[in-house]
Amino acid sequence: MQRYFERDRSSKGGDLFFRVMEKQVTLLVNDLEDEGWSDRLPQDFVSQTECQGFVLIPLVMGKRVIGMLYADRLKGNGPVSDNDFNIFNRFATQTRLALMYADSKAKR
C-alpha cells in the first residue's frame, strides 16, 4: 500500500485519492461491493489492499496536506461499521489536535 501512495502526483491527476486530498475531506467506503465503488476506485488499489471497506482522512496543517490516516477491513471481514468509523474519526480528531498544539508551540 505504501508503494501505491508514493507516486508522482502529476501522473495520476484524476485519481480519486488525490481529489480527496485536494478537497481535504474524509472518504468513507463502507463496502466496496456497494454502489459500484470498485469501479470508481483505482484497480491497483483494489487489488493491492484486498479490502472490504476503508476510511481515508487527510491530515492538514494550515492549508497544506501533510499526510493521511487510513484504516480498512480486509475482504471477508465485513464492511466498515458506523462504530468502526466513529472510533477511527475520534483518533483522527486527537491527531489533528496534537498537530495543532505542536504547531502553536513551534510558532512561539
PDB file of N, CA and C in Angstrom:
ATOM      1  N   MET A   1       0.823  -1.181   0.000  1.00  0.00           N
ATOM      2  CA  MET A   1       0.000   0.000   0.000  1.00  0.00           C
ATOM      3  C   MET A   1       0.870   1.250   0.000  1.00  0.00           C
ATOM      4  N   GLN A   2       1.974   1.207   0.727  1.00  0.00           N
ATOM      5  CA  GLN A   2       2.850   2.372   0.774  1.00  0.00           C
ATOM      6  C   GLN A   2       3.320   2.723  -0.632  1.00  0.00           C
ATOM      7  N   ARG A   3       3.698   1.722  -1.434  1.00  0.00           N
ATOM      8  CA  ARG A   3       4.135   1.986  -2.806  1.00  0.00           C
ATOM      9  C   ARG A   3       3.015   2.621  -3.624  1.00  0.00           C
ATOM     10  N   TYR A   4       1.778   2.219  -3.380  1.00  0.00           N
ATOM     11  CA  TYR A   4       0.661   2.780  -4.134  1.00  0.00           C
ATOM     12  C   TYR A   4       0.552   4.286  -3.904  1.00  0.00           C
ATOM     13  N   PHE A   5       0.690   4.720  -2.657  1.00  0.00           N
ATOM     14  CA  PHE A   5       0.521   6.131  -2.341  1.00  0.00           C
ATOM     15  C   PHE A   5       1.793   6.958  -2.538  1.00  0.00           C
ATOM     16  N   GLU A   6       2.933   6.323  -2.726  1.00  0.00           N
ATOM     17  CA  GLU A   6       4.170   7.043  -3.003  1.00  0.00           C
ATOM     18  C   GLU A   6       4.379   7.118  -4.505  1.00  0.00           C
ATOM     19  N   ARG A   7       3.652   7.981  -5.150  1.00  0.00           N
ATOM     20  CA  ARG A   7       3.782   8.139  -6.584  1.00  0.00           C
ATOM     21  C   ARG A   7       3.654   9.589  -6.960  1.00  0.00           C
ATOM     22  N   ASP A   8       4.091   9.878  -8.154  1.00  0.00           N
ATOM     23  CA  ASP A   8       4.099  11.247  -8.631  1.00  0.00           C
ATOM     24  C   ASP A   8       2.677  11.745  -8.830  1.00  0.00           C
ATOM     25  N   ARG A   9       2.353  12.792  -8.166  1.00  0.00           N
ATOM     26  CA  ARG A   9       1.012  13.368  -8.224  1.00  0.00           C
ATOM     27  C   ARG A   9       0.598  13.719  -9.648  1.00  0.00           C
ATOM     28  N   SER A  10       1.534  14.246 -10.438  1.00  0.00           N
ATOM     29  CA  SER A  10       1.192  14.690 -11.789  1.00  0.00           C
ATOM     30  C   SER A  10       0.785  13.532 -12.699  1.00  0.00           C
ATOM     31  N   SER A  11       1.239  12.326 -12.411  1.00  0.00           N
ATOM     32  CA  SER A  11       0.909  11.203 -13.282  1.00  0.00           C
ATOM     33  C   SER A  11      -0.488  10.647 -13.026  1.00  0.00           C
ATOM     34  N   LYS A  12      -1.084  10.988 -11.911  1.00  0.00           N
ATOM     35  CA  LYS A  12      -2.404  10.448 -11.569  1.00  0.00           C
ATOM     36  C   LYS A  12      -3.361  11.573 -11.182  1.00  0.00           C
ATOM     37  N   GLY A  13      -3.379  12.648 -11.951  1.00  0.00           N
ATOM     38  CA  GLY A  13      -4.164  13.828 -11.606  1.00  0.00           C
ATOM     39  C   GLY A  13      -5.638  13.570 -11.396  1.00  0.00           C
ATOM     40  N   GLY A  14      -6.218  12.583 -12.101  1.00  0.00           N
ATOM     41  CA  GLY A  14      -7.633  12.311 -11.964  1.00  0.00           C
ATOM     42  C   GLY A  14      -7.945  11.282 -10.903  1.00  0.00           C
ATOM     43  N   ASP A  15      -6.947  10.830 -10.201  1.00  0.00           N
ATOM     44  CA  ASP A  15      -7.105   9.792  -9.184  1.00  0.00           C
ATOM     45  C   ASP A  15      -8.015  10.282  -8.063  1.00  0.00           C
ATOM     46  N   LEU A  16      -8.966   9.448  -7.668  1.00  0.00           N
ATOM     47  CA  LEU A  16      -9.910   9.795  -6.603  1.00  0.00           C
ATOM     48  C   LEU A  16      -9.201  10.203  -5.322  1.00  0.00           C
ATOM     49  N   PHE A  17      -8.105   9.520  -4.974  1.00  0.00           N
ATOM     50  CA  PHE A  17      -7.415   9.815  -3.727  1.00  0.00           C
ATOM     51  C   PHE A  17      -6.779  11.207  -3.740  1.00  0.00           C
ATOM     52  N   PHE A  18      -6.223  11.601  -4.869  1.00  0.00           N
ATOM     53  CA  PHE A  18      -5.654  12.945  -4.943  1.00  0.00           C
ATOM     54  C   PHE A  18      -6.753  14.005  -4.868  1.00  0.00           C
ATOM     55  N   ARG A  19      -7.919  13.715  -5.429  1.00  0.00           N
ATOM     56  CA  ARG A  19      -9.034  14.667  -5.318  1.00  0.00           C
ATOM     57  C   ARG A  19      -9.492  14.791  -3.869  1.00  0.00           C
ATOM     58  N   VAL A  20      -9.527  13.675  -3.137  1.00  0.00           N
ATOM     59  CA  VAL A  20      -9.893  13.697  -1.716  1.00  0.00           C
ATOM     60  C   VAL A  20      -8.892  14.546  -0.943  1.00  0.00           C
ATOM     61  N   MET A  21      -7.608  14.367  -1.237  1.00  0.00           N
ATOM     62  CA  MET A  21      -6.571  15.134  -0.543  1.00  0.00           C
ATOM     63  C   MET A  21      -6.693  16.623  -0.869  1.00  0.00           C
ATOM     64  N   GLU A  22      -6.912  16.952  -2.137  1.00  0.00           N
ATOM     65  CA  GLU A  22      -7.041  18.355  -2.534  1.00  0.00           C
ATOM     66  C   GLU A  22      -8.224  19.028  -1.844  1.00  0.00           C
ATOM     67  N   LYS A  23      -9.334  18.318  -1.736  1.00  0.00           N
ATOM     68  CA  LYS A  23     -10.535  18.878  -1.111  1.00  0.00           C
ATOM     69  C   LYS A  23     -10.495  18.773   0.408  1.00  0.00           C
ATOM     70  N   GLN A  24      -9.532  17.997   0.927  1.00  0.00           N
ATOM     71  CA  GLN A  24      -9.349  17.832   2.371  1.00  0.00           C
ATOM     72  C   GLN A  24     -10.620  17.327   3.047  1.00  0.00           C
ATOM     73  N   VAL A  25     -11.185  16.275   2.469  1.00  0.00           N
ATOM     74  CA  VAL A  25     -12.396  15.672   3.007  1.00  0.00           C
ATOM     75  C   VAL A  25     -12.137  14.218   3.392  1.00  0.00           C
ATOM     76  N   THR A  26     -12.952  13.705   4.271  1.00  0.00           N
ATOM     77  CA  THR A  26     -12.876  12.309   4.671  1.00  0.00           C
ATOM     78  C   THR A  26     -13.591  11.454   3.629  1.00  0.00           C
ATOM     79  N   LEU A  27     -12.962  10.333   3.281  1.00  0.00           N
ATOM     80  CA  LEU A  27     -13.590   9.382   2.362  1.00  0.00           C
ATOM     81  C   LEU A  27     -13.898   8.111   3.134  1.00  0.00           C
ATOM     82  N   LEU A  28     -15.163   7.775   3.211  1.00  0.00           N
ATOM     83  CA  LEU A  28     -15.611   6.544   3.865  1.00  0.00           C
ATOM     84  C   LEU A  28     -16.250   5.664   2.806  1.00  0.00           C
ATOM     85  N   VAL A  29     -15.703   4.484   2.623  1.00  0.00           N
ATOM     86  CA  VAL A  29     -16.281   3.475   1.741  1.00  0.00           C
ATOM     87  C   VAL A  29     -16.596   2.283   2.639  1.00  0.00           C
ATOM     88  N   ASN A  30     -17.856   2.160   3.015  1.00  0.00           N
ATOM     89  CA  ASN A  30     -18.255   1.089   3.940  1.00  0.00           C
ATOM     90  C   ASN A  30     -17.967  -0.290   3.352  1.00  0.00           C
ATOM     91  N   ASP A  31     -18.362  -0.471   2.093  1.00  0.00           N
ATOM     92  CA  ASP A  31     -18.249  -1.786   1.465  1.00  0.00           C
ATOM     93  C   ASP A  31     -17.997  -1.590  -0.030  1.00  0.00           C
ATOM     94  N   LEU A  32     -16.870  -2.098  -0.523  1.00  0.00           N
ATOM     95  CA  LEU A  32     -16.533  -1.945  -1.934  1.00  0.00           C
ATOM     96  C   LEU A  32     -17.543  -2.609  -2.855  1.00  0.00           C
ATOM     97  N   GLU A  33     -18.306  -3.542  -2.331  1.00  0.00           N
ATOM     98  CA  GLU A  33     -19.298  -4.233  -3.154  1.00  0.00           C
ATOM     99  C   GLU A  33     -20.577  -3.416  -3.318  1.00  0.00           C
ATOM    100  N   ASP A  34     -20.743  -2.356  -2.549  1.00  0.00           N
ATOM    101  CA  ASP A  34     -21.928  -1.496  -2.651  1.00  0.00           C
ATOM    102  C   ASP A  34     -21.719  -0.391  -3.673  1.00  0.00           C
ATOM    103  N   GLU A  35     -22.785  -0.037  -4.368  1.00  0.00           N
ATOM    104  CA  GLU A  35     -22.859   1.158  -5.208  1.00  0.00           C
ATOM    105  C   GLU A  35     -21.720   1.310  -6.211  1.00  0.00           C
ATOM    106  N   GLY A  36     -21.130   0.225  -6.659  1.00  0.00           N
ATOM    107  CA  GLY A  36     -20.105   0.294  -7.693  1.00  0.00           C
ATOM    108  C   GLY A  36     -18.794   0.929  -7.271  1.00  0.00           C
ATOM    109  N   TRP A  37     -18.465   0.876  -5.983  1.00  0.00           N
ATOM    110  CA  TRP A  37     -17.233   1.511  -5.511  1.00  0.00           C
ATOM    111  C   TRP A  37     -16.002   0.939  -6.198  1.00  0.00           C
ATOM    112  N   SER A  38     -15.987  -0.356  -6.408  1.00  0.00           N
ATOM    113  CA  SER A  38     -14.790  -0.948  -7.007  1.00  0.00           C
ATOM    114  C   SER A  38     -14.553  -0.412  -8.416  1.00  0.00           C
ATOM    115  N   ASP A  39     -15.601   0.065  -9.090  1.00  0.00           N
ATOM    116  CA  ASP A  39     -15.441   0.676 -10.420  1.00  0.00           C
ATOM    117  C   ASP A  39     -14.901   2.093 -10.335  1.00  0.00           C
ATOM    118  N   ARG A  40     -15.166   2.787  -9.228  1.00  0.00           N
ATOM    119  CA  ARG A  40     -14.726   4.183  -9.066  1.00  0.00           C
ATOM    120  C   ARG A  40     -13.315   4.301  -8.519  1.00  0.00           C
ATOM    121  N   LEU A  41     -12.831   3.237  -7.889  1.00  0.00           N
ATOM    122  CA  LEU A  41     -11.507   3.270  -7.278  1.00  0.00           C
ATOM    123  C   LEU A  41     -10.464   2.736  -8.242  1.00  0.00           C
ATOM    124  N   PRO A  42      -9.229   3.215  -8.127  1.00  0.00           N
ATOM    125  CA  PRO A  42      -8.164   2.694  -8.985  1.00  0.00           C
ATOM    126  C   PRO A  42      -7.995   1.181  -8.780  1.00  0.00           C
ATOM    127  N   GLN A  43      -7.944   0.443  -9.878  1.00  0.00           N
ATOM    128  CA  GLN A  43      -7.863  -1.017  -9.796  1.00  0.00           C
ATOM    129  C   GLN A  43      -6.611  -1.496  -9.067  1.00  0.00           C
ATOM    130  N   ASP A  44      -5.495  -0.761  -9.206  1.00  0.00           N
ATOM    131  CA  ASP A  44      -4.271  -1.127  -8.484  1.00  0.00           C
ATOM    132  C   ASP A  44      -4.529  -1.124  -6.981  1.00  0.00           C
ATOM    133  N   PHE A  45      -5.235  -0.113  -6.519  1.00  0.00           N
ATOM    134  CA  PHE A  45      -5.548  -0.007  -5.098  1.00  0.00           C
ATOM    135  C   PHE A  45      -6.413  -1.171  -4.645  1.00  0.00           C
ATOM    136  N   VAL A  46      -7.471  -1.454  -5.390  1.00  0.00           N
ATOM    137  CA  VAL A  46      -8.405  -2.522  -5.017  1.00  0.00           C
ATOM    138  C   VAL A  46      -7.689  -3.863  -4.949  1.00  0.00           C
ATOM    139  N   SER A  47      -6.846  -4.146  -5.927  1.00  0.00           N
ATOM    140  CA  SER A  47      -6.161  -5.445  -5.938  1.00  0.00           C
ATOM    141  C   SER A  47      -5.065  -5.531  -4.878  1.00  0.00           C
ATOM    142  N   GLN A  48      -4.364  -4.439  -4.619  1.00  0.00           N
ATOM    143  CA  GLN A  48      -3.270  -4.470  -3.646  1.00  0.00           C
ATOM    144  C   GLN A  48      -3.760  -4.530  -2.209  1.00  0.00           C
ATOM    145  N   THR A  49      -4.836  -3.836  -1.892  1.00  0.00           N
ATOM    146  CA  THR A  49      -5.299  -3.796  -0.496  1.00  0.00           C
ATOM    147  C   THR A  49      -6.187  -4.975  -0.134  1.00  0.00           C
ATOM    148  N   GLU A  50      -6.923  -5.501  -1.111  1.00  0.00           N
ATOM    149  CA  GLU A  50      -7.868  -6.589  -0.858  1.00  0.00           C
ATOM    150  C   GLU A  50      -8.780  -6.261   0.324  1.00  0.00           C
ATOM    151  N   CYS A  51      -9.280  -5.030   0.345  1.00  0.00           N
ATOM    152  CA  CYS A  51     -10.114  -4.605   1.468  1.00  0.00           C
ATOM    153  C   CYS A  51     -11.595  -4.698   1.123  1.00  0.00           C
ATOM    154  N   GLN A  52     -12.394  -4.796   2.171  1.00  0.00           N
ATOM    155  CA  GLN A  52     -13.850  -4.812   2.038  1.00  0.00           C
ATOM    156  C   GLN A  52     -14.390  -3.383   2.086  1.00  0.00           C
ATOM    157  N   GLY A  53     -13.754  -2.555   2.915  1.00  0.00           N
ATOM    158  CA  GLY A  53     -14.126  -1.159   3.070  1.00  0.00           C
ATOM    159  C   GLY A  53     -12.978  -0.419   3.722  1.00  0.00           C
ATOM    160  N   PHE A  54     -13.002   0.910   3.671  1.00  0.00           N
ATOM    161  CA  PHE A  54     -11.903   1.690   4.249  1.00  0.00           C
ATOM    162  C   PHE A  54     -12.341   3.115   4.575  1.00  0.00           C
ATOM    163  N   VAL A  55     -11.480   3.780   5.352  1.00  0.00           N
ATOM    164  CA  VAL A  55     -11.644   5.196   5.683  1.00  0.00           C
ATOM    165  C   VAL A  55     -10.317   5.884   5.378  1.00  0.00           C
ATOM    166  N   LEU A  56     -10.372   7.029   4.727  1.00  0.00           N
ATOM    167  CA  LEU A  56      -9.187   7.824   4.421  1.00  0.00           C
ATOM    168  C   LEU A  56      -9.437   9.243   4.915  1.00  0.00           C
ATOM    169  N   ILE A  57      -8.544   9.728   5.785  1.00  0.00           N
ATOM    170  CA  ILE A  57      -8.700  11.067   6.358  1.00  0.00           C
ATOM    171  C   ILE A  57      -7.408  11.849   6.147  1.00  0.00           C
ATOM    172  N   PRO A  58      -7.447  12.931   5.354  1.00  0.00           N
ATOM    173  CA  PRO A  58      -6.247  13.752   5.171  1.00  0.00           C
ATOM    174  C   PRO A  58      -5.877  14.480   6.461  1.00  0.00           C
ATOM    175  N   LEU A  59      -4.578  14.608   6.699  1.00  0.00           N
ATOM    176  CA  LEU A  59      -4.067  15.399   7.818  1.00  0.00           C
ATOM    177  C   LEU A  59      -3.570  16.719   7.262  1.00  0.00           C
ATOM    178  N   VAL A  60      -4.061  17.802   7.843  1.00  0.00           N
ATOM    179  CA  VAL A  60      -3.804  19.132   7.298  1.00  0.00           C
ATOM    180  C   VAL A  60      -3.144  20.024   8.337  1.00  0.00           C
ATOM    181  N   MET A  61      -2.140  20.778   7.904  1.00  0.00           N
ATOM    182  CA  MET A  61      -1.526  21.832   8.724  1.00  0.00           C
ATOM    183  C   MET A  61      -1.711  23.125   7.937  1.00  0.00           C
ATOM    184  N   GLY A  62      -2.513  24.009   8.470  1.00  0.00           N
ATOM    185  CA  GLY A  62      -2.847  25.219   7.724  1.00  0.00           C
ATOM    186  C   GLY A  62      -3.656  24.831   6.503  1.00  0.00           C
ATOM    187  N   LYS A  63      -3.127  25.141   5.323  1.00  0.00           N
ATOM    188  CA  LYS A  63      -3.810  24.760   4.085  1.00  0.00           C
ATOM    189  C   LYS A  63      -3.084  23.621   3.373  1.00  0.00           C
ATOM    190  N   ARG A  64      -2.082  23.059   4.011  1.00  0.00           N
ATOM    191  CA  ARG A  64      -1.242  22.044   3.379  1.00  0.00           C
ATOM    192  C   ARG A  64      -1.551  20.648   3.926  1.00  0.00           C
ATOM    193  N   VAL A  65      -1.755  19.702   3.035  1.00  0.00           N
ATOM    194  CA  VAL A  65      -1.944  18.306   3.437  1.00  0.00           C
ATOM    195  C   VAL A  65      -0.556  17.717   3.693  1.00  0.00           C
ATOM    196  N   ILE A  66      -0.349  17.213   4.905  1.00  0.00           N
ATOM    197  CA  ILE A  66       0.966  16.677   5.264  1.00  0.00           C
ATOM    198  C   ILE A  66       0.976  15.150   5.312  1.00  0.00           C
ATOM    199  N   GLY A  67      -0.175  14.549   5.194  1.00  0.00           N
ATOM    200  CA  GLY A  67      -0.261  13.100   5.234  1.00  0.00           C
ATOM    201  C   GLY A  67      -1.706  12.664   5.285  1.00  0.00           C
ATOM    202  N   MET A  68      -1.896  11.416   5.628  1.00  0.00           N
ATOM    203  CA  MET A  68      -3.262  10.909   5.719  1.00  0.00           C
ATOM    204  C   MET A  68      -3.303   9.764   6.721  1.00  0.00           C
ATOM    205  N   LEU A  69      -4.480   9.538   7.234  1.00  0.00           N
ATOM    206  CA  LEU A  69      -4.749   8.381   8.076  1.00  0.00           C
ATOM    207  C   LEU A  69      -5.642   7.449   7.272  1.00  0.00           C
ATOM    208  N   TYR A  70      -5.311   6.175   7.325  1.00  0.00           N
ATOM    209  CA  TYR A  70      -6.043   5.185   6.539  1.00  0.00           C
ATOM    210  C   TYR A  70      -6.290   3.954   7.405  1.00  0.00           C
ATOM    211  N   ALA A  71      -7.496   3.430   7.330  1.00  0.00           N
ATOM    212  CA  ALA A  71      -7.826   2.175   8.005  1.00  0.00           C
ATOM    213  C   ALA A  71      -8.770   1.401   7.103  1.00  0.00           C
ATOM    214  N   ASP A  72      -8.619   0.071   7.112  1.00  0.00           N
ATOM    215  CA  ASP A  72      -9.534  -0.723   6.296  1.00  0.00           C
ATOM    216  C   ASP A  72      -9.921  -2.012   6.994  1.00  0.00           C
ATOM    217  N   ARG A  73     -10.903  -2.674   6.408  1.00  0.00           N
ATOM    218  CA  ARG A  73     -11.317  -4.014   6.835  1.00  0.00           C
ATOM    219  C   ARG A  73     -11.035  -4.919   5.651  1.00  0.00           C
ATOM    220  N   LEU A  74     -10.286  -5.986   5.894  1.00  0.00           N
ATOM    221  CA  LEU A  74      -9.939  -6.908   4.828  1.00  0.00           C
ATOM    222  C   LEU A  74     -11.164  -7.621   4.293  1.00  0.00           C
ATOM    223  N   LYS A  75     -11.120  -7.938   3.014  1.00  0.00           N
ATOM    224  CA  LYS A  75     -12.206  -8.663   2.368  1.00  0.00           C
ATOM    225  C   LYS A  75     -12.534  -9.909   3.181  1.00  0.00           C
ATOM    226  N   GLY A  76     -13.820 -10.142   3.378  1.00  0.00           N
ATOM    227  CA  GLY A  76     -14.258 -11.294   4.147  1.00  0.00           C
ATOM    228  C   GLY A  76     -14.492 -10.998   5.622  1.00  0.00           C
ATOM    229  N   ASN A  77     -14.097  -9.792   6.065  1.00  0.00           N
ATOM    230  CA  ASN A  77     -14.290  -9.407   7.461  1.00  0.00           C
ATOM    231  C   ASN A  77     -15.441  -8.432   7.643  1.00  0.00           C
ATOM    232  N   GLY A  78     -16.242  -8.270   6.631  1.00  0.00           N
ATOM    233  CA  GLY A  78     -17.404  -7.395   6.718  1.00  0.00           C
ATOM    234  C   GLY A  78     -17.069  -5.954   6.395  1.00  0.00           C
ATOM    235  N   PRO A  79     -18.096  -5.165   6.186  1.00  0.00           N
ATOM    236  CA  PRO A  79     -17.898  -3.747   5.861  1.00  0.00           C
ATOM    237  C   PRO A  79     -17.456  -2.929   7.076  1.00  0.00           C
ATOM    238  N   VAL A  80     -17.025  -1.706   6.809  1.00  0.00           N
ATOM    239  CA  VAL A  80     -16.693  -0.762   7.879  1.00  0.00           C
ATOM    240  C   VAL A  80     -18.011  -0.340   8.528  1.00  0.00           C
ATOM    241  N   SER A  81     -18.117  -0.563   9.820  1.00  0.00           N
ATOM    242  CA  SER A  81     -19.354  -0.226  10.533  1.00  0.00           C
ATOM    243  C   SER A  81     -19.330   1.232  10.994  1.00  0.00           C
ATOM    244  N   ASP A  82     -20.488   1.709  11.410  1.00  0.00           N
ATOM    245  CA  ASP A  82     -20.568   3.064  11.964  1.00  0.00           C
ATOM    246  C   ASP A  82     -19.664   3.188  13.185  1.00  0.00           C
ATOM    247  N   ASN A  83     -19.626   2.148  14.010  1.00  0.00           N
ATOM    248  CA  ASN A  83     -18.778   2.165  15.196  1.00  0.00           C
ATOM    249  C   ASN A  83     -17.298   2.224  14.812  1.00  0.00           C
ATOM    250  N   ASP A  84     -16.897   1.432  13.810  1.00  0.00           N
ATOM    251  CA  ASP A  84     -15.511   1.485  13.312  1.00  0.00           C
ATOM    252  C   ASP A  84     -15.158   2.909  12.896  1.00  0.00           C
ATOM    253  N   PHE A  85     -16.046   3.513  12.114  1.00  0.00           N
ATOM    254  CA  PHE A  85     -15.799   4.871  11.628  1.00  0.00           C
ATOM    255  C   PHE A  85     -15.709   5.864  12.775  1.00  0.00           C
ATOM    256  N   ASN A  86     -16.631   5.787  13.721  1.00  0.00           N
ATOM    257  CA  ASN A  86     -16.636   6.727  14.847  1.00  0.00           C
ATOM    258  C   ASN A  86     -15.349   6.639  15.664  1.00  0.00           C
ATOM    259  N   ILE A  87     -14.887   5.426  15.918  1.00  0.00           N
ATOM    260  CA  ILE A  87     -13.642   5.255  16.683  1.00  0.00           C
ATOM    261  C   ILE A  87     -12.459   5.818  15.913  1.00  0.00           C
ATOM    262  N   PHE A  88     -12.375   5.508  14.626  1.00  0.00           N
ATOM    263  CA  PHE A  88     -11.262   5.997  13.810  1.00  0.00           C
ATOM    264  C   PHE A  88     -11.322   7.516  13.672  1.00  0.00           C
ATOM    265  N   ASN A  89     -12.507   8.067  13.543  1.00  0.00           N
ATOM    266  CA  ASN A  89     -12.664   9.516  13.433  1.00  0.00           C
ATOM    267  C   ASN A  89     -12.223  10.213  14.719  1.00  0.00           C
ATOM    268  N   ARG A  90     -12.504   9.610  15.874  1.00  0.00           N
ATOM    269  CA  ARG A  90     -12.022  10.175  17.145  1.00  0.00           C
ATOM    270  C   ARG A  90     -10.499  10.180  17.193  1.00  0.00           C
ATOM    271  N   PHE A  91      -9.897   9.095  16.724  1.00  0.00           N
ATOM    272  CA  PHE A  91      -8.438   9.021  16.655  1.00  0.00           C
ATOM    273  C   PHE A  91      -7.896  10.133  15.751  1.00  0.00           C
ATOM    274  N   ALA A  92      -8.544  10.349  14.612  1.00  0.00           N
ATOM    275  CA  ALA A  92      -8.121  11.405  13.685  1.00  0.00           C
ATOM    276  C   ALA A  92      -8.253  12.782  14.336  1.00  0.00           C
ATOM    277  N   THR A  93      -9.311  12.991  15.074  1.00  0.00           N
ATOM    278  CA  THR A  93      -9.512  14.271  15.764  1.00  0.00           C
ATOM    279  C   THR A  93      -8.405  14.506  16.784  1.00  0.00           C
ATOM    280  N   GLN A  94      -8.048  13.484  17.541  1.00  0.00           N
ATOM    281  CA  GLN A  94      -6.951  13.615  18.513  1.00  0.00           C
ATOM    282  C   GLN A  94      -5.631  13.909  17.804  1.00  0.00           C
ATOM    283  N   THR A  95      -5.414  13.286  16.668  1.00  0.00           N
ATOM    284  CA  THR A  95      -4.201  13.527  15.882  1.00  0.00           C
ATOM    285  C   THR A  95      -4.153  14.976  15.402  1.00  0.00           C
ATOM    286  N   ARG A  96      -5.271  15.459  14.910  1.00  0.00           N
ATOM    287  CA  ARG A  96      -5.334  16.869  14.454  1.00  0.00           C
ATOM    288  C   ARG A  96      -5.057  17.827  15.608  1.00  0.00           C
ATOM    289  N   LEU A  97      -5.645  17.548  16.768  1.00  0.00           N
ATOM    290  CA  LEU A  97      -5.404  18.402  17.935  1.00  0.00           C
ATOM    291  C   LEU A  97      -3.926  18.397  18.327  1.00  0.00           C
ATOM    292  N   ALA A  98      -3.293  17.242  18.292  1.00  0.00           N
ATOM    293  CA  ALA A  98      -1.865  17.150  18.617  1.00  0.00           C
ATOM    294  C   ALA A  98      -1.030  17.936  17.618  1.00  0.00           C
ATOM    295  N   LEU A  99      -1.374  17.875  16.343  1.00  0.00           N
ATOM    296  CA  LEU A  99      -0.649  18.644  15.324  1.00  0.00           C
ATOM    297  C   LEU A  99      -0.836  20.145  15.530  1.00  0.00           C
ATOM    298  N   MET A 100      -2.055  20.556  15.850  1.00  0.00           N
ATOM    299  CA  MET A 100      -2.320  21.974  16.093  1.00  0.00           C
ATOM    300  C   MET A 100      -1.537  22.456  17.302  1.00  0.00           C
ATOM    301  N   TYR A 101      -1.480  21.649  18.347  1.00  0.00           N
ATOM    302  CA  TYR A 101      -0.743  22.001  19.559  1.00  0.00           C
ATOM    303  C   TYR A 101       0.752  22.110  19.240  1.00  0.00           C
ATOM    304  N   ALA A 102       1.282  21.155  18.510  1.00  0.00           N
ATOM    305  CA  ALA A 102       2.705  21.185  18.147  1.00  0.00           C
ATOM    306  C   ALA A 102       3.018  22.407  17.289  1.00  0.00           C
ATOM    307  N   ASP A 103       2.121  22.722  16.390  1.00  0.00           N
ATOM    308  CA  ASP A 103       2.316  23.888  15.512  1.00  0.00           C
ATOM    309  C   ASP A 103       2.308  25.185  16.322  1.00  0.00           C
ATOM    310  N   SER A 104       1.411  25.272  17.298  1.00  0.00           N
ATOM    311  CA  SER A 104       1.348  26.504  18.109  1.00  0.00           C
ATOM    312  C   SER A 104       2.603  26.633  18.971  1.00  0.00           C
ATOM    313  N   LYS A 105       3.136  25.534  19.462  1.00  0.00           N
ATOM    314  CA  LYS A 105       4.370  25.561  20.243  1.00  0.00           C
ATOM    315  C   LYS A 105       5.564  25.977  19.373  1.00  0.00           C
ATOM    316  N   ALA A 106       5.583  25.511  18.143  1.00  0.00           N
ATOM    317  CA  ALA A 106       6.688  25.810  17.234  1.00  0.00           C
ATOM    318  C   ALA A 106       6.713  27.289  16.834  1.00  0.00           C
ATOM    319  N   LYS A 107       5.574  27.930  16.843  1.00  0.00           N
ATOM    320  CA  LYS A 107       5.468  29.338  16.435  1.00  0.00           C
ATOM    321  C   LYS A 107       5.845  30.303  17.554  1.00  0.00           C
ATOM    322  N   ARG A 108       6.046  29.798  18.742  1.00  0.00           N
ATOM    323  CA  ARG A 108       6.387  30.676  19.881  1.00  0.00           C
ATOM    324  C   ARG A 108       7.835  31.064  19.856  1.00  0.00           C
TER     325      ARG A 108
END
